[in-house]
């Protein structure tokens, strides 16, 4: 009886499509090729990349001045899971999983590579039709141009054709590129998307910190330096967290440690370079080929690095929260908070009115209840106004919690929970408090939109909407606001200062309302959205008209 040899095989077409499935958005796909353009350039050449997005033609082109590819290089490029030659030679960087040839097929039906290297041009095309028609052993590519002499400089143009995304958008591509360009800033790259020149703009920094791992952590991580920075203003979600590289330019992850939804978490960002992610010998991969910018915590290096980053991020976050609480205890801060609270009341009444009317209309034609707004709705709690916690509104004595018990090693090492402390109103108290249930008798806990005065830096806008916390921030460092408060000699009830506060809060609110409306209805036409923003600004201005010439009651 003849023995049958058993060996591992692969269906190349299905393998390629499985790899392509990891790339689900235009920004992830474009960045896959842009980052190759930034990394693989001839020595001494500053990388330049032009991305052209044509929603009408369902086409994206990424053109660069990189070193280009020969026909031999192209054959290597189109080898499934082929590690690039730089990594084989020990140069740190991407190209570990060889996903460049598959990324475009995640959103499109055709990939064209037009590349020039040392005076020779090659152009090849890979299509979804060819993949579907393949036997599985290999997938034939179309040589459009082969070894043609050219006077063009070295470089490569990638054409992603027949894109199947319904609404091809440019803004997410720009945001994604600008967020991740920072790891290449030493190369001084230039990247343009259509008419927009992408630039990594590091936010104005309030403080920065450097951390090193413990002796045990250093055995796994090596001598790494974790840099954490505190932004003056809230950061967009894409910019929160620590960028993790495994060698210069080799961005493999962005770790947030879960701080993005915690108080002050969206002010923190930073970076750490940890070559051990790549050099540590282990059968477990530190990250997968999907470019999802997440580390595999089961990998020994990642399993040490992730908790190290998370703990330091939270240490910085908690320290910043406590600083903010201390700053709010001044008499002027209390008065500013009271003014801000009254402005927020006007805005919340308008927002609740707008969406309650919309919901009541929808309820007539729908059996299911309409979704509630993200802010502005009333709470149903019933706490007494006589109960207080550490806050900003009235002078108070803050109760101190008992020290951790000393009966076990675990209790000695455990930190006191970072929760608001119980407080008792006291005119001679050294701290401040807020009523748990808001102001007035038997008021419910306040929810919804908030307005706060914060020092955000002189270069920042006069005001800003912090969407995760539903807070309108008025920038005390902006020259217009600072000068108005100085002219009022610190009197927060000064009419000119309050008028400026109204203008800033009402304008920012109208824009915030537009953001929330667009979130509820992504298909809202721009003209309709602009109309709603103008209408909102008019409504709240009319509602507060009497307050422009009188004092708050």
Protein backbone atom coordinates (compact mmCIF):
# COMPACT_ATOMS: atom_id res chain seq x y z
CA UNK A 1 0.00 0.00 0.00
CA UNK A 2 1.47 3.37 -1.06
CA UNK A 3 1.99 5.85 1.77
CA UNK A 4 0.47 9.29 1.24
CA UNK A 5 2.71 12.20 2.16
CA UNK A 6 1.04 14.81 4.36
CA UNK A 7 2.21 18.39 4.27
CA UNK A 8 0.93 21.80 5.15
CA UNK A 9 -0.38 23.78 2.19
CA UNK A 10 -2.15 27.07 1.62
CA UNK A 11 -4.68 28.54 -0.78
CA UNK A 12 -2.88 31.73 -1.78
CA UNK A 13 -6.03 33.58 -2.86
CA UNK A 14 -7.95 32.87 0.33
CA UNK A 15 -4.84 33.60 2.38
CA UNK A 16 -4.51 36.98 0.70
CA UNK A 17 -8.16 37.89 1.24
CA UNK A 18 -7.99 36.81 4.88
CA UNK A 19 -5.06 39.18 5.36
CA UNK A 20 -6.90 41.94 3.49
CA UNK A 21 -9.95 41.60 5.73
CA UNK A 22 -7.97 43.14 8.60
CA UNK A 23 -7.96 46.48 6.73
CA UNK A 24 -11.50 47.80 7.06
CA UNK A 25 -11.10 51.57 6.60
CA UNK A 26 -9.57 53.91 4.06
CA UNK A 27 -7.30 55.50 6.70
CA UNK A 28 -5.78 52.17 7.76
CA UNK A 29 -5.18 51.20 4.14
CA UNK A 30 -3.62 54.52 3.14
CA UNK A 31 -1.38 54.60 6.20
CA UNK A 32 -0.07 51.11 5.31
CA UNK A 33 1.41 52.53 2.12
CA UNK A 34 2.31 55.98 3.48
CA UNK A 35 4.38 54.48 6.28
CA UNK A 36 6.30 52.36 3.76
CA UNK A 37 6.97 55.54 1.78
CA UNK A 38 8.29 57.27 4.91
CA UNK A 39 10.52 54.41 5.98
CA UNK A 40 12.00 53.09 2.75
CA UNK A 41 13.87 56.01 1.21
CA UNK A 42 17.43 56.31 -0.06
CA UNK A 43 19.91 57.54 2.52
CA UNK A 44 19.92 61.31 2.85
CA UNK A 45 16.54 61.76 1.12
CA UNK A 46 13.74 63.50 3.04
CA UNK A 47 10.55 61.53 2.36
CA UNK A 48 7.79 63.26 0.40
CA UNK A 49 4.38 61.65 -0.15
CA UNK A 50 1.33 62.85 -2.04
CA UNK A 51 -2.02 61.15 -1.39
CA UNK A 52 -4.77 61.86 -3.89
CA UNK A 53 -8.29 60.84 -2.86
CA UNK A 54 -11.00 60.90 -5.53
CA UNK A 55 -14.39 60.00 -4.06
CA UNK A 56 -16.04 60.43 -7.47
CA UNK A 57 -13.68 58.00 -9.23
CA UNK A 58 -13.43 55.63 -6.24
CA UNK A 59 -9.66 55.92 -6.46
CA UNK A 60 -6.76 56.62 -4.08
CA UNK A 61 -3.18 57.23 -5.24
CA UNK A 62 -0.14 57.28 -2.93
CA UNK A 63 2.96 58.63 -4.70
CA UNK A 64 6.39 58.95 -3.07
CA UNK A 65 10.06 59.74 -3.67
CA UNK A 66 11.22 56.53 -1.99
CA UNK A 67 13.88 54.21 -3.31
CA UNK A 68 11.47 52.31 -5.53
CA UNK A 69 11.59 48.61 -6.48
CA UNK A 70 13.23 46.54 -9.19
CA UNK A 71 11.45 43.57 -10.75
CA UNK A 72 13.21 41.35 -8.20
CA UNK A 73 12.02 43.58 -5.37
CA UNK A 74 8.49 43.42 -6.76
CA UNK A 75 8.58 39.62 -6.76
CA UNK A 76 9.56 39.77 -3.09
CA UNK A 77 6.85 42.36 -2.37
CA UNK A 78 4.19 40.04 -3.81
CA UNK A 79 5.35 37.01 -1.81
CA UNK A 80 2.75 36.15 0.82
CA UNK A 81 4.06 36.81 4.34
CA UNK A 82 7.46 37.61 2.91
CA UNK A 83 9.59 39.57 5.38
CA UNK A 84 11.25 42.51 3.66
CA UNK A 85 14.97 42.59 3.03
CA UNK A 86 15.61 45.38 5.55
CA UNK A 87 14.28 43.35 8.43
CA UNK A 88 16.26 40.31 7.27
CA UNK A 89 19.36 42.48 7.48
CA UNK A 90 18.49 43.53 11.04
CA UNK A 91 17.15 47.00 10.34
CA UNK A 92 14.20 47.73 12.65
CA UNK A 93 10.95 48.63 11.02
CA UNK A 94 7.72 47.35 9.57
CA UNK A 95 7.29 44.69 6.91
CA UNK A 96 7.24 41.81 9.37
CA UNK A 97 4.09 40.22 8.00
CA UNK A 98 4.24 41.41 4.39
CA UNK A 99 0.72 42.84 4.32
CA UNK A 100 1.38 45.63 1.81
CA UNK A 101 0.09 43.67 -1.14
CA UNK A 102 -3.15 42.77 0.63
CA UNK A 103 -4.15 46.04 2.37
CA UNK A 104 -5.72 47.63 -0.71
CA UNK A 105 -7.90 44.56 -1.30
CA UNK A 106 -9.56 45.23 2.05
CA UNK A 107 -11.51 48.11 0.52
CA UNK A 108 -11.03 47.81 -3.26
CA UNK A 109 -10.94 45.41 -6.19
CA UNK A 110 -7.67 46.43 -7.78
CA UNK A 111 -4.12 47.36 -6.73
CA UNK A 112 -1.61 48.86 -9.18
CA UNK A 113 2.06 49.35 -8.26
CA UNK A 114 4.01 51.75 -10.50
CA UNK A 115 7.64 51.83 -9.33
CA UNK A 116 10.96 53.25 -10.53
CA UNK A 117 14.38 52.10 -9.40
CA UNK A 118 17.75 53.15 -10.87
CA UNK A 119 16.34 54.21 -14.24
CA UNK A 120 14.02 51.23 -14.70
CA UNK A 121 10.23 51.34 -14.42
CA UNK A 122 7.88 48.45 -13.64
CA UNK A 123 4.10 48.48 -13.34
CA UNK A 124 2.00 45.53 -12.15
CA UNK A 125 -1.69 45.07 -11.36
CA UNK A 126 -3.36 42.69 -8.89
CA UNK A 127 -7.15 42.34 -9.06
CA UNK A 128 -9.85 40.68 -7.04
CA UNK A 129 -11.02 38.97 -10.24
CA UNK A 130 -7.63 37.29 -10.62
CA UNK A 131 -7.72 36.17 -6.99
CA UNK A 132 -11.20 34.66 -7.37
CA UNK A 133 -10.14 32.85 -10.57
CA UNK A 134 -6.93 31.42 -9.12
CA UNK A 135 -6.47 27.72 -8.38
CA UNK A 136 -4.98 28.45 -4.98
CA UNK A 137 -1.38 27.62 -5.84
CA UNK A 138 -0.64 31.17 -6.94
CA UNK A 139 -2.33 34.32 -8.23
CA UNK A 140 -1.16 35.70 -11.60
CA UNK A 141 -0.33 39.40 -11.77
CA UNK A 142 -0.54 41.56 -14.86
CA UNK A 143 2.72 43.11 -16.02
CA UNK A 144 1.57 46.43 -17.44
CA UNK A 145 5.15 47.69 -17.89
CA UNK A 146 8.26 45.57 -17.37
CA UNK A 147 11.83 46.88 -17.08
CA UNK A 148 11.19 49.99 -19.14
CA UNK A 149 13.98 52.56 -19.22
CA UNK A 150 12.91 55.84 -17.63
CA UNK A 151 14.35 59.22 -16.71
CA UNK A 152 12.01 59.47 -13.71
CA UNK A 153 13.56 59.62 -10.28
CA UNK A 154 13.26 56.71 -7.86
CA UNK A 155 9.85 56.35 -6.28
CA UNK A 156 6.62 54.37 -6.19
CA UNK A 157 2.99 55.18 -6.92
CA UNK A 158 0.28 52.96 -5.47
CA UNK A 159 -3.14 53.06 -7.13
CA UNK A 160 -6.08 51.66 -5.14
CA UNK A 161 -8.82 51.30 -7.73
CA UNK A 162 -12.51 50.33 -7.78
CA UNK A 163 -12.95 51.18 -4.10
CA UNK A 164 -16.13 49.71 -2.62
CA UNK A 165 -16.56 52.03 0.39
CA UNK A 166 -19.89 53.82 0.00
CA UNK A 167 -18.67 57.18 1.32
CA UNK A 168 -14.97 57.63 0.71
CA UNK A 169 -13.81 60.32 3.17
CA UNK A 170 -10.65 62.40 3.23
CA UNK A 171 -10.79 63.80 6.79
CA UNK A 172 -10.21 60.46 8.59
CA UNK A 173 -7.19 59.82 6.38
CA UNK A 174 -5.69 63.21 7.25
CA UNK A 175 -6.33 62.76 10.98
CA UNK A 176 -4.82 59.27 10.97
CA UNK A 177 -1.68 60.37 9.13
CA UNK A 178 -1.14 63.43 11.31
CA UNK A 179 -1.61 61.41 14.49
CA UNK A 180 1.07 58.89 13.52
CA UNK A 181 3.59 61.11 11.73
CA UNK A 182 5.19 61.97 15.04
CA UNK A 183 7.28 58.78 15.11
CA UNK A 184 8.94 59.93 11.88
CA UNK A 185 9.46 63.57 12.87
CA UNK A 186 13.27 63.12 12.91
CA UNK A 187 13.11 62.49 9.13
CA UNK A 188 11.23 65.78 8.49
CA UNK A 189 8.70 64.11 6.22
CA UNK A 190 6.23 65.97 4.00
CA UNK A 191 2.86 64.34 3.37
CA UNK A 192 0.02 65.98 1.45
CA UNK A 193 -3.54 64.67 1.14
CA UNK A 194 -5.19 66.40 -1.79
CA UNK A 195 -4.64 70.11 -0.99
CA UNK A 196 -3.94 69.58 2.72
CA UNK A 197 -0.37 69.47 4.01
CA UNK A 198 -0.29 67.03 6.93
CA UNK A 199 1.67 68.12 9.96
CA UNK A 200 2.05 66.64 13.38
CA UNK A 201 1.22 69.47 15.72
CA UNK A 202 2.16 68.58 19.25
CA UNK A 203 -0.30 70.25 21.60
CA UNK A 204 0.91 72.87 24.04
CA UNK A 205 2.29 71.00 27.03
CA UNK A 206 1.54 71.85 30.64
CA UNK A 207 3.92 69.28 32.13
CA UNK A 208 6.02 66.33 31.03
CA UNK A 209 7.31 63.32 32.93
CA UNK A 210 9.87 60.60 32.32
CA UNK A 211 9.61 57.15 33.90
CA UNK A 212 11.93 54.16 33.96
CA UNK A 213 10.94 50.57 34.69
CA UNK A 214 11.73 48.80 37.94
CA UNK A 215 14.71 46.46 38.14
CA UNK A 216 12.51 43.41 37.46
CA UNK A 217 10.73 45.14 34.58
CA UNK A 218 14.06 46.23 33.11
CA UNK A 219 15.14 42.61 32.78
CA UNK A 220 12.33 42.15 30.24
CA UNK A 221 11.94 45.60 28.72
CA UNK A 222 15.53 46.78 28.66
CA UNK A 223 16.59 50.31 29.53
CA UNK A 224 13.52 52.08 28.16
CA UNK A 225 12.30 55.60 28.86
CA UNK A 226 8.58 56.30 29.05
CA UNK A 227 7.66 59.92 28.31
CA UNK A 228 4.21 61.13 29.36
CA UNK A 229 3.03 64.64 28.54
CA UNK A 230 0.07 66.63 29.83
CA UNK A 231 -1.69 68.69 27.18
CA UNK A 232 -3.12 72.07 28.04
CA UNK A 233 -6.34 71.14 26.25
CA UNK A 234 -8.43 67.98 25.83
CA UNK A 235 -7.12 65.80 23.01
CA UNK A 236 -9.09 64.14 20.20
CA UNK A 237 -9.56 60.45 20.86
CA UNK A 238 -7.01 59.50 18.19
CA UNK A 239 -4.27 61.46 20.00
CA UNK A 240 -4.73 60.03 23.51
CA UNK A 241 -2.23 57.52 24.83
CA UNK A 242 1.39 56.43 24.53
CA UNK A 243 2.86 55.66 21.10
CA UNK A 244 4.88 52.45 21.31
CA UNK A 245 7.70 51.88 18.82
CA UNK A 246 9.95 48.87 18.40
CA UNK A 247 12.80 50.80 16.84
CA UNK A 248 12.85 54.24 15.26
CA UNK A 249 9.83 54.72 13.01
CA UNK A 250 8.39 51.28 13.75
CA UNK A 251 5.08 52.24 15.38
CA UNK A 252 3.42 49.06 16.65
CA UNK A 253 0.84 50.26 19.19
CA UNK A 254 -0.85 53.13 20.99
CA UNK A 255 -1.56 52.21 24.61
CA UNK A 256 -4.06 54.21 26.69
CA UNK A 257 -4.25 52.05 29.80
CA UNK A 258 -8.00 52.69 29.93
CA UNK A 259 -7.59 56.35 30.90
CA UNK A 260 -9.39 57.82 27.90
CA UNK A 261 -12.80 57.81 29.64
CA UNK A 262 -11.54 58.82 33.07
CA UNK A 263 -11.34 62.37 34.36
CA UNK A 264 -8.37 64.17 32.79
CA UNK A 265 -7.44 61.03 30.86
CA UNK A 266 -7.97 62.77 27.53
CA UNK A 267 -5.17 65.24 28.29
CA UNK A 268 -2.38 62.63 28.32
CA UNK A 269 -0.11 61.44 25.54
CA UNK A 270 3.49 60.32 25.13
CA UNK A 271 5.88 57.81 23.66
CA UNK A 272 8.16 54.91 24.49
CA UNK A 273 10.63 53.03 22.30
CA UNK A 274 11.01 49.37 23.25
CA UNK A 275 13.18 47.37 20.78
CA UNK A 276 12.76 44.28 22.99
CA UNK A 277 9.28 43.86 21.48
CA UNK A 278 11.01 42.63 18.33
CA UNK A 279 14.24 41.18 19.70
CA UNK A 280 12.76 39.01 22.49
CA UNK A 281 12.73 35.37 21.35
CA UNK A 282 9.25 33.94 21.80
CA UNK A 283 6.81 31.87 19.75
CA UNK A 284 4.00 34.28 20.68
CA UNK A 285 3.76 37.28 18.37
CA UNK A 286 3.78 40.69 20.16
CA UNK A 287 1.13 42.05 17.77
CA UNK A 288 -0.87 40.77 14.83
CA UNK A 289 -0.66 41.71 11.13
CA UNK A 290 -3.89 43.74 11.17
CA UNK A 291 -2.11 46.99 12.14
CA UNK A 292 -4.71 47.56 14.86
CA UNK A 293 -2.04 49.24 17.03
CA UNK A 294 -2.66 46.88 19.94
CA UNK A 295 -0.07 44.78 21.73
CA UNK A 296 -0.60 41.15 22.66
CA UNK A 297 -0.51 41.07 26.46
CA UNK A 298 0.33 37.36 26.37
CA UNK A 299 3.73 38.16 24.89
CA UNK A 300 6.28 38.43 27.76
CA UNK A 301 7.54 41.88 26.77
CA UNK A 302 4.07 43.28 26.07
CA UNK A 303 2.73 41.69 29.26
CA UNK A 304 5.29 43.75 31.19
CA UNK A 305 5.14 46.92 29.10
CA UNK A 306 1.34 47.37 29.11
CA UNK A 307 0.94 47.45 32.94
CA UNK A 308 4.02 49.70 33.19
CA UNK A 309 2.47 52.24 30.79
CA UNK A 310 -1.02 51.95 32.32
CA UNK A 311 0.17 52.50 35.89
CA UNK A 312 2.23 55.57 35.03
CA UNK A 313 -0.56 57.08 32.93
CA UNK A 314 -2.96 56.71 35.83
CA UNK A 315 -0.43 58.11 38.31
CA UNK A 316 -0.09 61.24 36.18
CA UNK A 317 -3.86 61.45 35.63
CA UNK A 318 -4.68 61.23 39.36
CA UNK A 319 -2.04 63.87 40.17
CA UNK A 320 -3.56 66.22 37.59
CA UNK A 321 -7.07 65.71 38.96
CA UNK A 322 -5.87 66.58 42.45
CA UNK A 323 -4.12 69.71 41.16
CA UNK A 324 -7.33 70.79 39.49
CA UNK A 325 -9.27 70.20 42.68
CA UNK A 326 -6.79 72.35 44.61
CA UNK A 327 -6.98 75.13 42.01
CA UNK A 328 -10.77 75.17 42.29
CA UNK A 329 -10.64 76.00 45.98
CA UNK A 330 -9.70 79.67 45.49
CA UNK A 331 -12.40 82.28 45.95
CA UNK A 332 -12.15 83.42 42.33
CA UNK A 333 -12.39 79.83 41.10
CA UNK A 334 -15.57 79.37 43.13
CA UNK A 335 -17.10 82.48 41.63
CA UNK A 336 -16.10 81.45 38.11
CA UNK A 337 -17.67 78.06 38.71
CA UNK A 338 -20.90 79.67 39.84
CA UNK A 339 -21.01 81.87 36.73
CA UNK A 340 -20.26 78.86 34.54
CA UNK A 341 -22.99 76.81 36.22
CA UNK A 342 -25.59 79.50 35.47
CA UNK A 343 -24.54 79.65 31.82
CA UNK A 344 -24.76 75.84 31.64
CA UNK A 345 -28.33 75.98 32.98
CA UNK A 346 -29.36 78.17 30.01
CA UNK A 347 -27.67 75.86 27.53
CA UNK A 348 -29.06 72.65 29.03
CA UNK A 349 -32.60 74.03 28.95
CA UNK A 350 -32.22 74.77 25.26
CA UNK A 351 -30.73 71.38 24.44
CA UNK A 352 -33.37 69.51 26.39
CA UNK A 353 -36.09 71.51 24.67
CA UNK A 354 -34.70 70.82 21.18
CA UNK A 355 -34.35 67.08 21.57
CA UNK A 356 -37.48 66.55 23.63
CA UNK A 357 -39.47 68.16 20.81
CA UNK A 358 -37.75 66.00 18.22
CA UNK A 359 -38.36 62.87 20.27
CA UNK A 360 -42.03 63.72 20.83
CA UNK A 361 -42.49 64.12 17.07
CA UNK A 362 -40.76 60.82 16.37
CA UNK A 363 -42.87 59.04 18.98
CA UNK A 364 -45.98 59.79 16.94
CA UNK A 365 -44.68 57.84 13.95
CA UNK A 366 -42.63 55.17 15.72
CA UNK A 367 -43.63 52.44 18.13
CA UNK A 368 -40.18 52.33 19.64
CA UNK A 369 -39.00 55.14 21.86
CA UNK A 370 -36.53 57.54 20.34
CA UNK A 371 -32.99 57.51 21.59
CA UNK A 372 -32.27 60.07 24.24
CA UNK A 373 -29.77 62.81 23.87
CA UNK A 374 -26.25 62.36 25.15
CA UNK A 375 -26.60 65.32 27.46
CA UNK A 376 -29.25 67.69 28.74
CA UNK A 377 -31.66 65.09 30.12
CA UNK A 378 -32.86 65.26 33.71
CA UNK A 379 -31.64 62.85 36.32
CA UNK A 380 -34.02 61.06 38.61
CA UNK A 381 -31.98 60.92 41.77
CA UNK A 382 -33.25 62.25 45.05
CA UNK A 383 -30.29 63.21 47.20
CA UNK A 384 -30.70 65.92 49.77
CA UNK A 385 -28.94 69.23 49.11
CA UNK A 386 -27.68 69.04 52.70
CA UNK A 387 -25.23 66.24 51.82
CA UNK A 388 -21.91 67.52 50.52
CA UNK A 389 -18.70 66.18 48.98
CA UNK A 390 -15.36 67.81 48.22
CA UNK A 391 -15.91 70.37 45.46
CA UNK A 392 -15.79 74.07 44.66
CA UNK A 393 -19.02 75.88 45.56
CA UNK A 394 -18.89 76.66 49.30
CA UNK A 395 -16.17 76.78 52.00
CA UNK A 396 -16.06 73.54 53.95
CA UNK A 397 -14.19 71.08 56.11
CA UNK A 398 -13.21 67.92 54.23
CA UNK A 399 -13.44 64.69 56.19
CA UNK A 400 -10.26 62.62 56.19
CA UNK A 401 -10.57 58.92 55.55
CA UNK A 402 -9.06 56.39 57.87
CA UNK A 403 -5.59 55.21 57.04
CA UNK A 404 -5.29 51.77 55.51
CA UNK A 405 -5.28 48.95 58.02
CA UNK A 406 -1.95 47.62 59.19
CA UNK A 407 -3.02 44.04 59.78
CA UNK A 408 -1.73 42.68 56.48
CA UNK A 409 0.90 43.33 53.85
CA UNK A 410 -1.84 43.69 51.23
CA UNK A 411 -3.56 46.52 53.13
CA UNK A 412 -0.29 48.34 53.66
CA UNK A 413 0.39 48.45 49.92
CA UNK A 414 -3.15 49.36 48.89
CA UNK A 415 -3.80 53.00 47.97
CA UNK A 416 -6.75 54.98 49.27
CA UNK A 417 -9.48 55.01 46.61
CA UNK A 418 -9.54 58.23 44.57
CA UNK A 419 -13.18 59.15 45.28
CA UNK A 420 -14.77 62.43 46.39
CA UNK A 421 -14.47 62.91 50.14
CA UNK A 422 -17.42 63.71 52.37
CA UNK A 423 -17.43 67.37 53.43
CA UNK A 424 -19.24 69.65 55.86
CA UNK A 425 -19.96 73.32 54.99
CA UNK A 426 -17.88 75.61 57.20
CA UNK A 427 -17.19 79.31 56.57
CA UNK A 428 -13.74 78.94 58.15
CA UNK A 429 -12.94 75.69 56.36
CA UNK A 430 -9.70 75.35 54.35
CA UNK A 431 -11.29 73.43 51.45
CA UNK A 432 -14.55 73.59 49.50
CA UNK A 433 -17.62 71.46 48.86
CA UNK A 434 -20.55 70.93 46.51
CA UNK A 435 -24.04 69.76 47.50
CA UNK A 436 -24.51 66.22 46.19
CA UNK A 437 -27.92 67.05 44.83
CA UNK A 438 -27.11 70.46 43.31
CA UNK A 439 -28.37 73.77 44.67
CA UNK A 440 -31.77 74.32 46.23
CA UNK A 441 -33.99 72.06 48.28
CA UNK A 442 -34.26 68.42 47.26
CA UNK A 443 -32.59 69.10 43.90
CA UNK A 444 -31.57 66.10 41.83
CA UNK A 445 -27.91 65.49 40.97
CA UNK A 446 -26.93 67.72 38.09
CA UNK A 447 -26.12 66.06 34.78
CA UNK A 448 -25.73 67.12 31.19
CA UNK A 449 -23.61 69.82 29.63
CA UNK A 450 -21.12 71.67 31.81
CA UNK A 451 -19.27 74.95 31.41
CA UNK A 452 -15.86 75.45 33.03
CA UNK A 453 -13.18 78.13 33.06
CA UNK A 454 -9.73 76.59 32.62
CA UNK A 455 -6.21 77.84 31.77
CA UNK A 456 -5.62 76.18 28.38
CA UNK A 457 -2.62 78.15 27.09
CA UNK A 458 -2.27 81.42 25.20
CA UNK A 459 -2.01 79.72 21.79
CA UNK A 460 -5.24 77.76 22.17
CA UNK A 461 -8.69 78.91 21.07
CA UNK A 462 -10.84 81.09 23.32
CA UNK A 463 -13.11 78.14 24.03
CA UNK A 464 -13.28 74.43 23.28
CA UNK A 465 -15.89 71.67 23.41
CA UNK A 466 -14.61 68.59 25.22
CA UNK A 467 -17.04 66.01 23.88
CA UNK A 468 -16.14 62.99 26.06
CA UNK A 469 -16.95 64.97 29.22
CA UNK A 470 -19.65 67.12 27.58
CA UNK A 471 -17.90 70.26 28.80
CA UNK A 472 -17.49 73.69 27.22
CA UNK A 473 -14.13 75.06 28.34
CA UNK A 474 -13.50 78.82 28.41
CA UNK A 475 -9.78 79.51 28.13
CA UNK A 476 -8.59 81.79 30.93
CA UNK A 477 -5.16 82.06 29.25
CA UNK A 478 -6.48 83.48 25.99
CA UNK A 479 -5.52 87.17 25.75
CA UNK A 480 -9.13 88.29 25.18
CA UNK A 481 -10.41 86.44 28.26
CA UNK A 482 -7.39 87.28 30.41
CA UNK A 483 -7.59 90.98 29.55
CA UNK A 484 -11.33 91.09 30.21
CA UNK A 485 -10.87 89.53 33.65
CA UNK A 486 -7.95 91.85 34.45
CA UNK A 487 -10.00 94.87 33.38
CA UNK A 488 -12.72 93.69 35.73
CA UNK A 489 -10.06 93.45 38.47
CA UNK A 490 -10.99 89.82 38.97
CA UNK A 491 -14.68 90.55 39.43
CA UNK A 492 -16.40 87.62 37.69
CA UNK A 493 -19.74 89.47 37.81
CA UNK A 494 -18.38 92.34 35.74
CA UNK A 495 -20.76 92.96 32.84
CA UNK A 496 -18.08 93.09 30.11
CA UNK A 497 -16.49 89.85 31.32
CA UNK A 498 -19.86 88.11 31.52
CA UNK A 499 -20.83 89.28 28.03
CA UNK A 500 -17.62 87.79 26.66
CA UNK A 501 -18.32 84.57 28.58
CA UNK A 502 -21.82 84.42 27.09
CA UNK A 503 -20.48 84.91 23.57
CA UNK A 504 -17.87 82.18 23.94
CA UNK A 505 -20.14 79.65 25.66
CA UNK A 506 -23.09 80.24 23.34
CA UNK A 507 -20.97 79.99 20.17
CA UNK A 508 -19.24 76.83 21.38
CA UNK A 509 -22.58 75.37 22.44
CA UNK A 510 -24.09 75.98 19.00
CA UNK A 511 -21.16 74.18 17.38
CA UNK A 512 -21.40 71.38 19.96
CA UNK A 513 -25.08 71.02 19.20
CA UNK A 514 -24.17 70.65 15.54
CA UNK A 515 -21.71 67.88 16.43
CA UNK A 516 -24.36 66.01 18.41
CA UNK A 517 -26.98 66.45 15.66
CA UNK A 518 -24.55 65.17 13.04
CA UNK A 519 -23.83 62.20 15.28
CA UNK A 520 -27.53 61.37 15.52
CA UNK A 521 -28.05 61.90 11.78
CA UNK A 522 -24.80 61.44 9.79
CA UNK A 523 -26.67 62.08 6.53
CA UNK A 524 -27.81 65.59 7.53
CA UNK A 525 -27.00 67.98 4.63
CA UNK A 526 -24.36 70.63 5.45
CA UNK A 527 -26.81 73.47 4.74
CA UNK A 528 -29.31 72.04 7.23
CA UNK A 529 -26.58 71.62 9.82
CA UNK A 530 -25.45 75.22 9.37
CA UNK A 531 -29.06 76.39 9.73
CA UNK A 532 -29.42 74.49 13.03
CA UNK A 533 -26.18 75.97 14.37
CA UNK A 534 -27.30 79.52 13.57
CA UNK A 535 -30.75 78.90 15.00
CA UNK A 536 -29.29 77.55 18.23
CA UNK A 537 -27.01 80.55 18.63
CA UNK A 538 -29.98 82.86 18.15
CA UNK A 539 -32.18 80.96 20.64
CA UNK A 540 -29.70 80.98 23.52
CA UNK A 541 -28.81 84.62 22.85
CA UNK A 542 -32.48 85.58 23.08
CA UNK A 543 -32.94 83.44 26.21
CA UNK A 544 -30.09 85.30 27.92
CA UNK A 545 -30.87 88.77 26.52
CA UNK A 546 -31.94 90.18 29.86
CA UNK A 547 -28.73 88.98 31.48
CA UNK A 548 -26.53 91.10 29.21
CA UNK A 549 -27.50 94.24 31.11
CA UNK A 550 -28.26 92.94 34.58
CA UNK A 551 -26.80 90.76 37.25
CA UNK A 552 -27.66 87.13 37.74
CA UNK A 553 -30.36 86.48 40.29
